[in-house]
Structures are given as C-alpha cells and as structure tokens.
Amino acid sequence: IKTLILPNKIKIVIPDAVLFQSNSTQMYARAKWPLQYLRYFIGNIAYSKIAIIGYMGDGYNPAMGKQAALHRAQAVAAHLWENAIPDLTQVLGFSSRGEKDPIASNQYVNGMALNRRVEVIITVPTDNC
C-alpha cells in the first residue's frame, strides 16, 4: 500500500493482489487489514470527498477490464458503506479507469500486476488543512 499526501489530497494506492483473488472481484479475508487502514484515514477527515477508482492492466478486453475494475472499486466502496463510511459530512463515489493511466509498463507481467489496483483519493477542503 502506498500513501501519498498532497496539498488538499491524500492518495492511497492498493495493489489488487492485496485485496482481490486472482481474476475475481471476491476479496481475500486478509483484505480486512488494508481496509482497516483505509477506514482510519477516511474516518478522521470530516467534510471530505472520497473517490475510489479501479484500474486494470493491459491484456484484457478493454470493455471487460473496465467493468472488472469498476466491480473492484464498487466492492471497496461497499465495504466502506457497511462500516459507516462515509459519515454525514463526507461524500463517497466510485468509478473505473480500466487500463488508462498505467503506473508501470504493461510489457511485462510485473508491470501489468502493478497496474491492477484500486486508488482512493480523499480530497480535503482547504479550511480543514
């Protein structure tokens, strides 16, 4: 898990191998730890906007890859909703970018694995900083 703290934003990148079973939207039991980490960040920032974005590596049918990435982002959002996130001051949404915006080369298996990920972007209003 990689956490980047930017001006007015926190970006958390979670590789799909940490959360999801191979070629599936089914979460591993071990996913509870990274999700707890995520709930900690989100739960401590009032009036924030939370965007959950699913990504896939190249090598899939683009439409199927985008759909799978959406289901994975939706699974993370559902987990947060089941655990009372967002609160009444927060907004939560999810989307898919499919194979767009790769963070590594899709030429190699390791690069494709890095590109299969879920990113959570927490936007913080300026007056909360």
Protein backbone atom coordinates (compact mmCIF):
# COMPACT_ATOMS: atom_id res chain seq x y z
CA ILE A 1 0.00 0.00 0.00
CA LYS A 2 1.33 3.38 -0.96
CA THR A 3 0.10 6.60 0.65
CA LEU A 4 0.83 9.99 -0.87
CA ILE A 5 -0.01 13.17 0.99
CA LEU A 6 -0.55 16.03 -1.44
CA PRO A 7 -1.91 19.56 -0.95
CA ASN A 8 -5.60 19.09 -0.04
CA LYS A 9 -5.48 15.38 -1.02
CA ILE A 10 -4.46 12.02 0.30
CA LYS A 11 -3.97 9.30 -2.31
CA ILE A 12 -3.86 5.67 -1.22
CA VAL A 13 -2.86 3.08 -3.84
CA ILE A 14 -3.70 -0.54 -3.08
CA PRO A 15 -2.49 -3.27 -5.47
CA ASP A 16 -5.32 -5.62 -6.40
CA ALA A 17 -3.30 -8.64 -5.23
CA VAL A 18 -3.61 -7.27 -1.67
CA LEU A 19 -7.41 -7.11 -1.85
CA PHE A 20 -8.73 -9.46 -4.52
CA GLN A 21 -8.43 -13.05 -5.55
CA SER A 22 -6.90 -13.58 -8.99
CA ASN A 23 -9.25 -12.72 -11.87
CA SER A 24 -12.04 -12.02 -9.42
CA THR A 25 -13.91 -9.28 -7.59
CA GLN A 26 -14.04 -11.52 -4.50
CA MET A 27 -11.98 -10.04 -1.66
CA TYR A 28 -9.47 -12.06 0.31
CA ALA A 29 -10.07 -12.45 4.05
CA ARG A 30 -6.68 -10.78 4.53
CA ALA A 31 -8.10 -7.63 2.87
CA LYS A 32 -9.51 -6.56 6.23
CA TRP A 33 -6.14 -5.04 7.25
CA PRO A 34 -5.68 -2.67 4.30
CA LEU A 35 -9.36 -1.79 4.51
CA GLN A 36 -8.98 -1.00 8.20
CA TYR A 37 -6.06 1.28 7.28
CA LEU A 38 -8.29 2.96 4.72
CA ARG A 39 -11.15 3.41 7.21
CA TYR A 40 -8.70 5.01 9.66
CA PHE A 41 -7.71 7.69 7.15
CA ILE A 42 -11.21 8.37 5.91
CA GLY A 43 -12.82 8.28 9.35
CA ASN A 44 -10.57 11.03 10.65
CA ILE A 45 -11.20 13.60 7.91
CA ALA A 46 -14.56 15.35 8.12
CA TYR A 47 -16.10 17.12 5.13
CA SER A 48 -14.01 15.15 2.67
CA LYS A 49 -14.79 13.79 -0.77
CA ILE A 50 -13.73 10.17 -1.29
CA ALA A 51 -13.18 8.80 -4.81
CA ILE A 52 -12.48 5.09 -5.28
CA ILE A 53 -11.07 4.31 -8.72
CA GLY A 54 -10.46 0.84 -10.14
CA TYR A 55 -7.71 0.13 -12.70
CA MET A 56 -6.69 -2.92 -14.73
CA GLY A 57 -3.52 -3.86 -16.56
CA ASP A 58 -3.42 -4.09 -20.33
CA GLY A 59 -4.04 -7.51 -21.83
CA TYR A 60 -7.77 -7.69 -21.17
CA ASN A 61 -10.59 -6.88 -23.49
CA PRO A 62 -10.81 -3.12 -22.73
CA ALA A 63 -14.57 -3.20 -22.01
CA MET A 64 -14.24 -6.27 -19.76
CA GLY A 65 -11.21 -4.79 -17.99
CA LYS A 66 -13.05 -1.54 -17.32
CA GLN A 67 -16.05 -3.48 -15.99
CA ALA A 68 -13.86 -5.65 -13.72
CA ALA A 69 -12.09 -2.55 -12.40
CA LEU A 70 -15.48 -0.95 -11.70
CA HIS A 71 -16.63 -4.04 -9.76
CA ARG A 72 -13.46 -3.93 -7.66
CA ALA A 73 -13.90 -0.22 -6.88
CA GLN A 74 -17.55 -0.93 -6.05
CA ALA A 75 -16.52 -3.76 -3.69
CA VAL A 76 -14.22 -1.39 -1.76
CA ALA A 77 -16.99 1.25 -1.63
CA ALA A 78 -19.49 -1.36 -0.39
CA HIS A 79 -17.10 -2.38 2.39
CA LEU A 80 -16.78 1.24 3.49
CA TRP A 81 -20.55 1.78 3.40
CA GLU A 82 -21.04 -1.36 5.51
CA ASN A 83 -18.65 0.14 8.06
CA ALA A 84 -20.36 3.55 8.34
CA ILE A 85 -18.06 5.39 5.93
CA PRO A 86 -18.80 7.99 4.72
CA ASP A 87 -20.27 9.84 7.66
CA LEU A 88 -22.84 12.58 7.19
CA THR A 89 -20.16 15.16 6.34
CA GLN A 90 -18.46 13.09 3.62
CA VAL A 91 -19.22 12.13 0.01
CA LEU A 92 -18.17 8.74 -1.41
CA GLY A 93 -18.13 7.68 -5.05
CA PHE A 94 -16.52 5.00 -7.21
CA SER A 95 -15.53 4.69 -10.85
CA SER A 96 -13.29 2.79 -13.26
CA ARG A 97 -10.46 3.93 -15.48
CA GLY A 98 -9.88 0.43 -16.85
CA GLU A 99 -6.42 0.24 -18.41
CA LYS A 100 -5.99 4.02 -18.63
CA ASP A 101 -3.32 5.81 -16.58
CA PRO A 102 -0.87 2.91 -16.12
CA ILE A 103 1.79 3.37 -13.43
CA ALA A 104 4.12 0.77 -14.97
CA SER A 105 4.84 -0.75 -18.37
CA ASN A 106 2.33 -3.37 -19.48
CA GLN A 107 5.11 -5.04 -21.47
CA TYR A 108 5.95 -7.33 -18.53
CA VAL A 109 3.84 -9.35 -16.12
CA ASN A 110 5.07 -7.37 -13.09
CA GLY A 111 4.06 -4.11 -14.72
CA MET A 112 0.60 -5.42 -15.53
CA ALA A 113 0.25 -6.53 -11.90
CA LEU A 114 1.16 -3.03 -10.67
CA ASN A 115 -1.44 -1.51 -12.98
CA ARG A 116 -4.20 -3.67 -11.46
CA ARG A 117 -5.01 -1.52 -8.46
CA VAL A 118 -7.56 0.47 -6.54
CA GLU A 119 -6.80 4.10 -5.79
CA VAL A 120 -8.59 6.01 -3.07
CA ILE A 121 -8.36 9.77 -3.32
CA ILE A 122 -9.50 11.75 -0.31
CA THR A 123 -9.99 15.41 -1.11
CA VAL A 124 -9.88 17.65 1.93
CA PRO A 125 -11.45 21.12 1.93
CA THR A 126 -8.88 23.87 2.38
CA ASP A 127 -10.35 25.01 5.67
CA ASN A 128 -9.66 21.55 7.21
CA CYS A 129 -5.91 21.68 6.44
